[in-house]
N, C-alpha and C. Protein backbone atom coordinates (compact mmCIF):
# COMPACT_ATOMS: atom_id res chain seq x y z
N MET A 1 20.45 3.25 22.26
CA MET A 1 20.23 4.05 23.46
C MET A 1 21.14 3.54 24.57
N SER A 2 21.66 4.46 25.36
CA SER A 2 22.51 4.11 26.47
C SER A 2 22.13 4.95 27.68
N ILE A 3 22.66 4.55 28.84
CA ILE A 3 22.37 5.26 30.08
C ILE A 3 22.98 6.64 29.99
N ASN A 4 22.28 7.62 30.55
CA ASN A 4 22.60 9.08 30.54
C ASN A 4 22.53 9.72 29.15
N GLN A 5 22.00 9.01 28.20
CA GLN A 5 21.80 9.61 26.86
C GLN A 5 20.49 10.40 26.88
N SER A 6 20.49 11.53 26.21
CA SER A 6 19.25 12.36 26.19
C SER A 6 18.31 11.86 25.12
N LEU A 7 17.02 12.06 25.39
CA LEU A 7 15.97 11.67 24.49
C LEU A 7 15.04 12.89 24.33
N MET A 8 14.93 13.42 23.13
CA MET A 8 14.12 14.61 22.96
C MET A 8 12.70 14.20 22.57
N VAL A 9 11.72 14.72 23.32
CA VAL A 9 10.32 14.50 23.06
C VAL A 9 9.64 15.82 22.95
N GLU A 10 8.46 15.85 22.36
CA GLU A 10 7.68 17.07 22.20
C GLU A 10 6.49 16.95 23.10
N VAL A 11 6.33 17.98 24.00
CA VAL A 11 5.22 18.04 24.90
C VAL A 11 4.48 19.36 24.67
N ASN A 12 3.23 19.23 24.24
CA ASN A 12 2.43 20.44 23.92
C ASN A 12 3.12 21.38 22.98
N GLY A 13 3.81 20.87 22.01
CA GLY A 13 4.46 21.66 20.98
C GLY A 13 5.83 22.16 21.40
N LYS A 14 6.29 21.81 22.56
CA LYS A 14 7.60 22.32 23.05
C LYS A 14 8.57 21.11 23.24
N PRO A 15 9.82 21.27 22.81
CA PRO A 15 10.76 20.18 23.01
C PRO A 15 11.14 20.01 24.46
N VAL A 16 11.22 18.80 24.93
CA VAL A 16 11.58 18.48 26.30
C VAL A 16 12.69 17.39 26.24
N GLU A 17 13.74 17.59 27.01
CA GLU A 17 14.83 16.64 27.04
C GLU A 17 14.61 15.68 28.22
N LEU A 18 14.60 14.39 27.92
CA LEU A 18 14.54 13.36 28.94
C LEU A 18 15.85 12.61 28.99
N ILE A 19 16.33 12.22 30.16
CA ILE A 19 17.61 11.54 30.28
C ILE A 19 17.29 10.04 30.62
N VAL A 20 17.92 9.15 29.89
CA VAL A 20 17.77 7.72 30.13
C VAL A 20 18.59 7.38 31.37
N ARG A 21 17.90 6.83 32.42
CA ARG A 21 18.59 6.52 33.67
C ARG A 21 18.79 5.03 33.89
N GLY A 22 18.14 4.21 33.07
CA GLY A 22 18.30 2.75 33.21
C GLY A 22 17.45 2.02 32.27
N PHE A 23 17.59 0.73 32.26
CA PHE A 23 16.80 -0.18 31.46
C PHE A 23 16.19 -1.29 32.27
N LEU A 24 15.03 -1.75 31.85
CA LEU A 24 14.43 -2.90 32.48
C LEU A 24 15.10 -4.18 31.92
N GLU A 25 15.40 -5.06 32.79
CA GLU A 25 16.03 -6.34 32.36
C GLU A 25 15.00 -7.29 31.73
N LEU A 26 13.76 -7.11 32.13
CA LEU A 26 12.71 -8.05 31.64
C LEU A 26 12.34 -7.68 30.18
N SER A 27 12.22 -8.67 29.33
CA SER A 27 11.76 -8.42 28.01
C SER A 27 10.29 -8.71 27.85
N THR A 28 9.72 -9.47 28.81
CA THR A 28 8.30 -9.77 28.77
C THR A 28 7.79 -9.80 30.21
N ILE A 29 6.53 -9.46 30.32
CA ILE A 29 5.80 -9.69 31.58
C ILE A 29 4.51 -10.41 31.22
N HIS A 30 4.35 -11.58 31.79
CA HIS A 30 3.21 -12.43 31.49
C HIS A 30 2.99 -12.63 30.00
N GLY A 31 4.03 -12.81 29.26
CA GLY A 31 3.97 -13.09 27.83
C GLY A 31 3.80 -11.85 26.96
N LYS A 32 3.77 -10.64 27.53
CA LYS A 32 3.58 -9.40 26.71
C LYS A 32 4.95 -8.76 26.52
N GLN A 33 5.26 -8.38 25.27
CA GLN A 33 6.51 -7.75 24.96
C GLN A 33 6.55 -6.32 25.54
N LEU A 34 7.70 -5.88 25.98
CA LEU A 34 7.84 -4.56 26.58
C LEU A 34 8.75 -3.64 25.64
N GLU A 35 8.90 -4.02 24.41
CA GLU A 35 9.89 -3.33 23.58
C GLU A 35 9.49 -1.87 23.24
N SER A 36 8.22 -1.48 23.37
CA SER A 36 7.85 -0.15 22.97
C SER A 36 7.28 0.66 24.13
N TYR A 37 7.79 0.42 25.37
CA TYR A 37 7.32 1.11 26.52
C TYR A 37 8.43 2.03 27.06
N LEU A 38 8.01 3.22 27.53
CA LEU A 38 8.89 4.12 28.25
C LEU A 38 8.34 4.22 29.66
N VAL A 39 9.18 3.97 30.64
CA VAL A 39 8.76 3.95 32.07
C VAL A 39 9.33 5.16 32.74
N MET A 40 8.43 5.90 33.44
CA MET A 40 8.87 7.08 34.21
C MET A 40 8.18 7.05 35.54
N ASP A 41 8.75 7.73 36.51
CA ASP A 41 8.16 7.95 37.79
C ASP A 41 6.93 8.77 37.64
N ILE A 42 5.86 8.50 38.42
CA ILE A 42 4.63 9.25 38.30
C ILE A 42 4.81 10.74 38.48
N ALA A 43 5.60 11.10 39.48
CA ALA A 43 5.83 12.57 39.74
C ALA A 43 6.51 13.20 38.55
N SER A 44 7.46 12.51 37.93
CA SER A 44 8.16 13.07 36.80
C SER A 44 7.24 13.25 35.59
N VAL A 45 6.37 12.27 35.39
CA VAL A 45 5.37 12.37 34.31
C VAL A 45 4.47 13.58 34.55
N GLN A 46 3.96 13.70 35.75
CA GLN A 46 3.08 14.79 36.09
C GLN A 46 3.77 16.18 35.83
N TRP A 47 4.97 16.31 36.30
CA TRP A 47 5.72 17.56 36.13
C TRP A 47 6.02 17.82 34.65
N THR A 48 6.54 16.82 33.94
CA THR A 48 6.92 17.00 32.56
C THR A 48 5.73 17.35 31.66
N PHE A 49 4.64 16.68 31.88
CA PHE A 49 3.51 16.81 31.01
C PHE A 49 2.44 17.78 31.52
N GLY A 50 2.76 18.54 32.58
CA GLY A 50 1.84 19.54 33.14
C GLY A 50 0.59 18.91 33.75
N LEU A 51 0.75 17.79 34.37
CA LEU A 51 -0.40 17.09 34.95
C LEU A 51 -0.26 16.96 36.49
N VAL A 52 0.32 17.94 37.14
CA VAL A 52 0.53 17.86 38.58
C VAL A 52 -0.86 17.78 39.24
N GLY A 53 -1.05 16.76 40.02
CA GLY A 53 -2.30 16.52 40.69
C GLY A 53 -3.30 15.65 39.91
N HIS A 54 -2.87 15.25 38.71
CA HIS A 54 -3.74 14.44 37.85
C HIS A 54 -2.97 13.22 37.41
N VAL A 55 -3.68 12.07 37.36
CA VAL A 55 -3.08 10.84 36.86
C VAL A 55 -4.01 10.38 35.73
N HIS A 56 -3.42 10.17 34.57
CA HIS A 56 -4.22 9.77 33.37
C HIS A 56 -4.54 8.29 33.44
N GLU A 57 -3.51 7.46 33.60
CA GLU A 57 -3.73 6.04 33.69
C GLU A 57 -2.49 5.39 34.32
N ILE A 58 -2.75 4.26 34.93
CA ILE A 58 -1.66 3.46 35.54
C ILE A 58 -1.84 2.02 35.07
N HIS A 59 -0.80 1.40 34.63
CA HIS A 59 -0.81 -0.01 34.22
C HIS A 59 -0.26 -0.84 35.33
N LEU A 60 -1.02 -1.80 35.76
CA LEU A 60 -0.59 -2.67 36.83
C LEU A 60 -0.62 -4.16 36.39
N VAL A 61 0.33 -4.93 36.86
CA VAL A 61 0.37 -6.38 36.62
C VAL A 61 0.34 -7.05 37.94
N PRO A 62 -0.63 -7.95 38.16
CA PRO A 62 -0.70 -8.63 39.47
C PRO A 62 0.49 -9.58 39.67
N ASN A 63 0.82 -9.76 40.93
CA ASN A 63 1.87 -10.71 41.24
C ASN A 63 1.47 -12.12 40.90
N PRO A 64 2.40 -13.01 40.58
CA PRO A 64 2.01 -14.37 40.34
C PRO A 64 1.21 -14.96 41.53
N GLY A 65 0.15 -15.65 41.25
CA GLY A 65 -0.67 -16.24 42.29
C GLY A 65 -1.80 -15.33 42.71
N ARG A 66 -1.82 -14.08 42.28
CA ARG A 66 -2.88 -13.15 42.62
C ARG A 66 -3.72 -12.91 41.37
N SER A 67 -5.03 -12.99 41.45
CA SER A 67 -5.85 -12.83 40.27
C SER A 67 -6.06 -11.37 39.94
N GLN A 68 -6.42 -11.13 38.72
CA GLN A 68 -6.65 -9.80 38.24
C GLN A 68 -7.85 -9.15 38.96
N ASP A 69 -8.89 -9.99 39.28
CA ASP A 69 -10.06 -9.51 39.99
C ASP A 69 -9.71 -9.01 41.39
N GLN A 70 -8.82 -9.74 42.07
CA GLN A 70 -8.39 -9.33 43.43
C GLN A 70 -7.68 -7.99 43.35
N LEU A 71 -6.83 -7.81 42.35
CA LEU A 71 -6.13 -6.56 42.18
C LEU A 71 -7.10 -5.41 41.93
N VAL A 72 -8.09 -5.62 41.08
CA VAL A 72 -9.07 -4.58 40.77
C VAL A 72 -9.85 -4.24 42.02
N GLN A 73 -10.29 -5.22 42.77
CA GLN A 73 -11.04 -4.97 44.02
C GLN A 73 -10.24 -4.20 45.05
N SER A 74 -8.97 -4.51 45.17
CA SER A 74 -8.12 -3.80 46.12
C SER A 74 -7.90 -2.36 45.70
N ILE A 75 -7.78 -2.09 44.41
CA ILE A 75 -7.64 -0.73 43.91
C ILE A 75 -8.90 0.05 44.12
N LEU A 76 -10.06 -0.55 43.82
CA LEU A 76 -11.34 0.14 43.97
C LEU A 76 -11.62 0.46 45.45
N ALA A 77 -11.09 -0.34 46.35
CA ALA A 77 -11.32 -0.11 47.76
C ALA A 77 -10.61 1.14 48.29
N ILE A 78 -9.50 1.50 47.68
CA ILE A 78 -8.72 2.63 48.16
C ILE A 78 -8.87 3.92 47.33
N MET A 79 -9.47 3.80 46.13
CA MET A 79 -9.57 4.92 45.22
C MET A 79 -10.97 5.58 45.36
N PRO A 80 -11.03 6.90 45.07
CA PRO A 80 -12.33 7.55 45.09
C PRO A 80 -13.26 6.98 43.97
N SER A 81 -14.57 7.25 44.10
CA SER A 81 -15.53 6.67 43.17
C SER A 81 -15.40 7.26 41.74
N SER A 82 -14.70 8.41 41.62
CA SER A 82 -14.54 9.05 40.30
C SER A 82 -13.51 8.31 39.43
N VAL A 83 -12.73 7.39 40.04
CA VAL A 83 -11.69 6.68 39.32
C VAL A 83 -12.30 5.42 38.65
N SER A 84 -12.01 5.23 37.40
CA SER A 84 -12.52 4.02 36.72
C SER A 84 -11.36 3.07 36.56
N VAL A 85 -11.65 1.82 36.72
CA VAL A 85 -10.64 0.75 36.61
C VAL A 85 -11.11 -0.17 35.42
N ARG A 86 -10.26 -0.31 34.46
CA ARG A 86 -10.58 -1.15 33.29
C ARG A 86 -9.54 -2.27 33.19
N VAL A 87 -10.02 -3.42 32.85
CA VAL A 87 -9.15 -4.58 32.66
C VAL A 87 -8.68 -4.54 31.21
N ALA A 88 -7.43 -4.96 31.00
CA ALA A 88 -6.79 -4.86 29.66
C ALA A 88 -7.63 -5.66 28.64
N SER A 89 -8.30 -6.70 28.99
CA SER A 89 -9.09 -7.44 28.03
C SER A 89 -10.21 -6.59 27.42
N GLN A 90 -10.77 -5.62 28.17
CA GLN A 90 -11.77 -4.71 27.61
C GLN A 90 -11.17 -3.86 26.48
N ARG A 91 -9.99 -3.37 26.76
CA ARG A 91 -9.28 -2.55 25.78
C ARG A 91 -8.91 -3.38 24.58
N ASN A 92 -8.50 -4.61 24.78
CA ASN A 92 -8.15 -5.51 23.65
C ASN A 92 -9.36 -5.77 22.79
N GLY A 93 -10.56 -5.87 23.38
CA GLY A 93 -11.79 -6.01 22.62
C GLY A 93 -12.04 -4.82 21.70
N GLN A 94 -11.79 -3.63 22.22
CA GLN A 94 -11.95 -2.43 21.38
C GLN A 94 -10.99 -2.40 20.22
N VAL A 95 -9.74 -2.75 20.54
CA VAL A 95 -8.71 -2.82 19.48
C VAL A 95 -9.04 -3.84 18.41
N GLU A 96 -9.50 -4.98 18.86
CA GLU A 96 -9.90 -6.03 17.88
C GLU A 96 -11.08 -5.61 17.00
N GLY A 97 -12.05 -4.86 17.62
CA GLY A 97 -13.13 -4.34 16.81
C GLY A 97 -12.66 -3.37 15.77
N MET A 98 -11.74 -2.48 16.15
CA MET A 98 -11.18 -1.54 15.20
C MET A 98 -10.41 -2.25 14.10
N LEU A 99 -9.70 -3.31 14.47
CA LEU A 99 -8.90 -4.04 13.48
C LEU A 99 -9.83 -4.76 12.47
N ARG A 100 -10.93 -5.29 12.99
CA ARG A 100 -11.90 -5.96 12.07
C ARG A 100 -12.48 -4.96 11.10
N ALA A 101 -12.82 -3.74 11.59
CA ALA A 101 -13.36 -2.68 10.73
C ALA A 101 -12.30 -2.29 9.70
N PHE A 102 -11.05 -2.17 10.09
CA PHE A 102 -9.97 -1.84 9.19
C PHE A 102 -9.82 -2.88 8.12
N GLN A 103 -9.87 -4.16 8.50
CA GLN A 103 -9.71 -5.23 7.53
C GLN A 103 -10.88 -5.26 6.54
N MET A 104 -12.09 -4.97 7.03
CA MET A 104 -13.26 -4.91 6.15
C MET A 104 -13.07 -3.75 5.14
N ASN A 105 -12.58 -2.59 5.62
CA ASN A 105 -12.35 -1.49 4.73
C ASN A 105 -11.33 -1.84 3.66
N LEU A 106 -10.26 -2.53 4.07
CA LEU A 106 -9.24 -2.93 3.08
C LEU A 106 -9.81 -3.90 2.04
N THR A 107 -10.67 -4.81 2.51
CA THR A 107 -11.32 -5.77 1.59
C THR A 107 -12.24 -5.02 0.60
N MET A 108 -12.98 -4.05 1.13
CA MET A 108 -13.87 -3.31 0.23
C MET A 108 -13.08 -2.46 -0.77
N LEU A 109 -12.01 -1.85 -0.32
CA LEU A 109 -11.17 -1.03 -1.21
C LEU A 109 -10.47 -1.85 -2.24
N SER A 110 -10.04 -3.05 -1.90
CA SER A 110 -9.41 -3.94 -2.88
C SER A 110 -10.43 -4.36 -3.91
N GLY A 111 -11.70 -4.63 -3.49
CA GLY A 111 -12.78 -4.94 -4.45
C GLY A 111 -13.03 -3.80 -5.40
N ILE A 112 -13.04 -2.58 -4.86
CA ILE A 112 -13.24 -1.39 -5.71
C ILE A 112 -12.07 -1.28 -6.70
N GLY A 113 -10.85 -1.53 -6.20
CA GLY A 113 -9.71 -1.44 -7.12
C GLY A 113 -9.78 -2.49 -8.21
N LEU A 114 -10.26 -3.67 -7.90
CA LEU A 114 -10.43 -4.71 -8.92
C LEU A 114 -11.45 -4.30 -9.93
N MET A 115 -12.56 -3.70 -9.47
CA MET A 115 -13.63 -3.24 -10.39
C MET A 115 -13.05 -2.17 -11.33
N VAL A 116 -12.27 -1.20 -10.78
CA VAL A 116 -11.69 -0.16 -11.62
C VAL A 116 -10.75 -0.76 -12.65
N GLY A 117 -9.97 -1.74 -12.23
CA GLY A 117 -9.05 -2.40 -13.17
C GLY A 117 -9.80 -3.12 -14.29
N LEU A 118 -10.86 -3.81 -13.93
CA LEU A 118 -11.67 -4.46 -14.98
C LEU A 118 -12.31 -3.44 -15.92
N PHE A 119 -12.77 -2.36 -15.41
CA PHE A 119 -13.36 -1.29 -16.21
C PHE A 119 -12.31 -0.74 -17.19
N LEU A 120 -11.07 -0.52 -16.73
CA LEU A 120 -10.03 -0.01 -17.60
C LEU A 120 -9.63 -1.01 -18.66
N VAL A 121 -9.60 -2.26 -18.37
CA VAL A 121 -9.33 -3.28 -19.37
C VAL A 121 -10.45 -3.32 -20.41
N TYR A 122 -11.70 -3.31 -19.90
CA TYR A 122 -12.87 -3.29 -20.83
C TYR A 122 -12.81 -2.09 -21.75
N ASN A 123 -12.56 -0.90 -21.22
CA ASN A 123 -12.52 0.31 -22.05
C ASN A 123 -11.34 0.20 -23.07
N THR A 124 -10.21 -0.34 -22.66
CA THR A 124 -9.09 -0.45 -23.59
C THR A 124 -9.46 -1.41 -24.76
N MET A 125 -10.08 -2.52 -24.39
CA MET A 125 -10.49 -3.51 -25.46
C MET A 125 -11.59 -2.92 -26.34
N ALA A 126 -12.52 -2.17 -25.76
CA ALA A 126 -13.61 -1.55 -26.54
C ALA A 126 -13.02 -0.49 -27.51
N PHE A 127 -12.02 0.28 -27.03
CA PHE A 127 -11.36 1.27 -27.87
C PHE A 127 -10.64 0.60 -29.03
N SER A 128 -9.97 -0.55 -28.70
CA SER A 128 -9.24 -1.26 -29.74
C SER A 128 -10.21 -1.79 -30.81
N VAL A 129 -11.36 -2.31 -30.40
CA VAL A 129 -12.34 -2.80 -31.34
C VAL A 129 -12.87 -1.68 -32.22
N THR A 130 -13.15 -0.52 -31.59
CA THR A 130 -13.61 0.62 -32.37
C THR A 130 -12.56 1.11 -33.36
N GLN A 131 -11.31 1.11 -32.98
CA GLN A 131 -10.24 1.49 -33.85
C GLN A 131 -10.08 0.55 -35.08
N HIS A 132 -10.39 -0.74 -34.82
CA HIS A 132 -10.17 -1.72 -35.88
C HIS A 132 -11.47 -2.20 -36.52
N ARG A 133 -12.50 -1.35 -36.46
CA ARG A 133 -13.80 -1.74 -36.97
C ARG A 133 -13.74 -2.05 -38.49
N LYS A 134 -13.01 -1.29 -39.22
CA LYS A 134 -12.92 -1.48 -40.70
C LYS A 134 -12.20 -2.82 -40.97
N GLU A 135 -11.11 -3.14 -40.20
CA GLU A 135 -10.39 -4.39 -40.44
C GLU A 135 -11.27 -5.58 -40.04
N ILE A 136 -12.06 -5.45 -38.95
CA ILE A 136 -12.93 -6.52 -38.53
C ILE A 136 -13.94 -6.82 -39.65
N GLY A 137 -14.49 -5.76 -40.21
CA GLY A 137 -15.47 -5.96 -41.35
C GLY A 137 -14.84 -6.69 -42.51
N ILE A 138 -13.60 -6.32 -42.83
CA ILE A 138 -12.99 -6.97 -43.97
C ILE A 138 -12.71 -8.45 -43.67
N LEU A 139 -12.18 -8.71 -42.44
CA LEU A 139 -11.90 -10.14 -42.04
C LEU A 139 -13.21 -10.94 -42.01
N ARG A 140 -14.28 -10.36 -41.56
CA ARG A 140 -15.58 -11.10 -41.52
C ARG A 140 -16.09 -11.38 -42.93
N SER A 141 -15.84 -10.40 -43.83
CA SER A 141 -16.33 -10.55 -45.21
C SER A 141 -15.59 -11.61 -45.99
N VAL A 142 -14.34 -11.87 -45.58
CA VAL A 142 -13.55 -12.91 -46.26
C VAL A 142 -13.75 -14.30 -45.58
N GLY A 143 -14.59 -14.33 -44.52
CA GLY A 143 -14.93 -15.62 -43.98
C GLY A 143 -14.30 -15.97 -42.62
N LEU A 144 -13.57 -15.04 -42.02
CA LEU A 144 -12.94 -15.37 -40.72
C LEU A 144 -13.99 -15.42 -39.64
N GLU A 145 -13.96 -16.45 -38.86
CA GLU A 145 -14.98 -16.64 -37.82
C GLU A 145 -14.73 -15.63 -36.66
N GLN A 146 -15.84 -15.45 -35.91
CA GLN A 146 -15.82 -14.51 -34.81
C GLN A 146 -14.81 -14.89 -33.73
N ILE A 147 -14.68 -16.16 -33.41
CA ILE A 147 -13.73 -16.62 -32.42
C ILE A 147 -12.31 -16.29 -32.81
N ALA A 148 -11.98 -16.39 -34.11
CA ALA A 148 -10.65 -16.06 -34.59
C ALA A 148 -10.35 -14.63 -34.41
N ILE A 149 -11.35 -13.76 -34.67
CA ILE A 149 -11.15 -12.34 -34.46
C ILE A 149 -10.93 -12.03 -32.99
N ILE A 150 -11.67 -12.68 -32.11
CA ILE A 150 -11.51 -12.48 -30.67
C ILE A 150 -10.10 -12.89 -30.30
N ARG A 151 -9.62 -13.97 -30.86
CA ARG A 151 -8.25 -14.45 -30.56
C ARG A 151 -7.22 -13.42 -31.03
N LEU A 152 -7.45 -12.79 -32.17
CA LEU A 152 -6.56 -11.77 -32.67
C LEU A 152 -6.49 -10.58 -31.70
N PHE A 153 -7.63 -10.16 -31.17
CA PHE A 153 -7.63 -9.06 -30.16
C PHE A 153 -6.94 -9.46 -28.89
N LEU A 154 -7.13 -10.70 -28.41
CA LEU A 154 -6.47 -11.12 -27.23
C LEU A 154 -4.96 -11.22 -27.44
N LEU A 155 -4.59 -11.64 -28.68
CA LEU A 155 -3.14 -11.70 -28.97
C LEU A 155 -2.53 -10.29 -29.01
N GLU A 156 -3.31 -9.34 -29.54
CA GLU A 156 -2.87 -7.95 -29.58
C GLU A 156 -2.73 -7.38 -28.16
N ALA A 157 -3.62 -7.80 -27.27
CA ALA A 157 -3.60 -7.31 -25.89
C ALA A 157 -2.61 -8.04 -25.03
N ASP A 158 -1.87 -9.05 -25.61
CA ASP A 158 -0.88 -9.87 -24.92
C ASP A 158 -1.49 -10.61 -23.73
N CYS A 159 -2.67 -11.17 -23.91
CA CYS A 159 -3.30 -11.95 -22.86
C CYS A 159 -2.91 -13.41 -22.93
């Protein structure tokens, strides 16, 4: 990406061309990476996305030496009561909860996959025993022990 290069985005199903006008020199703010952020003027966002008169959300970072609580209180003092202010840690908690649920789902699915694999191996071995029933009877009648027959089947299965 370079300055004055166009960037095509889709807004409500329609292509919109945005022009890159500059880059932020900072790669992090308070230890958070900025590599996946697009920054636009509020008026431009409202016009482009059909939100004139509406603000969806604003991300603010307090100046060094100023606490997050002080920033929240100063915003609440000037905004109408219909505006909600959420601290990023609340959002992080929601994301962590979703991540834990996703990890649990993956664990459960891997367990189900393991059970299906065991079932397939069992069915394959049972089919092999059924196919070789006559040979097993002959081997048992000539005195071959059961453990030796099991070893033969494992050898056939390449275990």
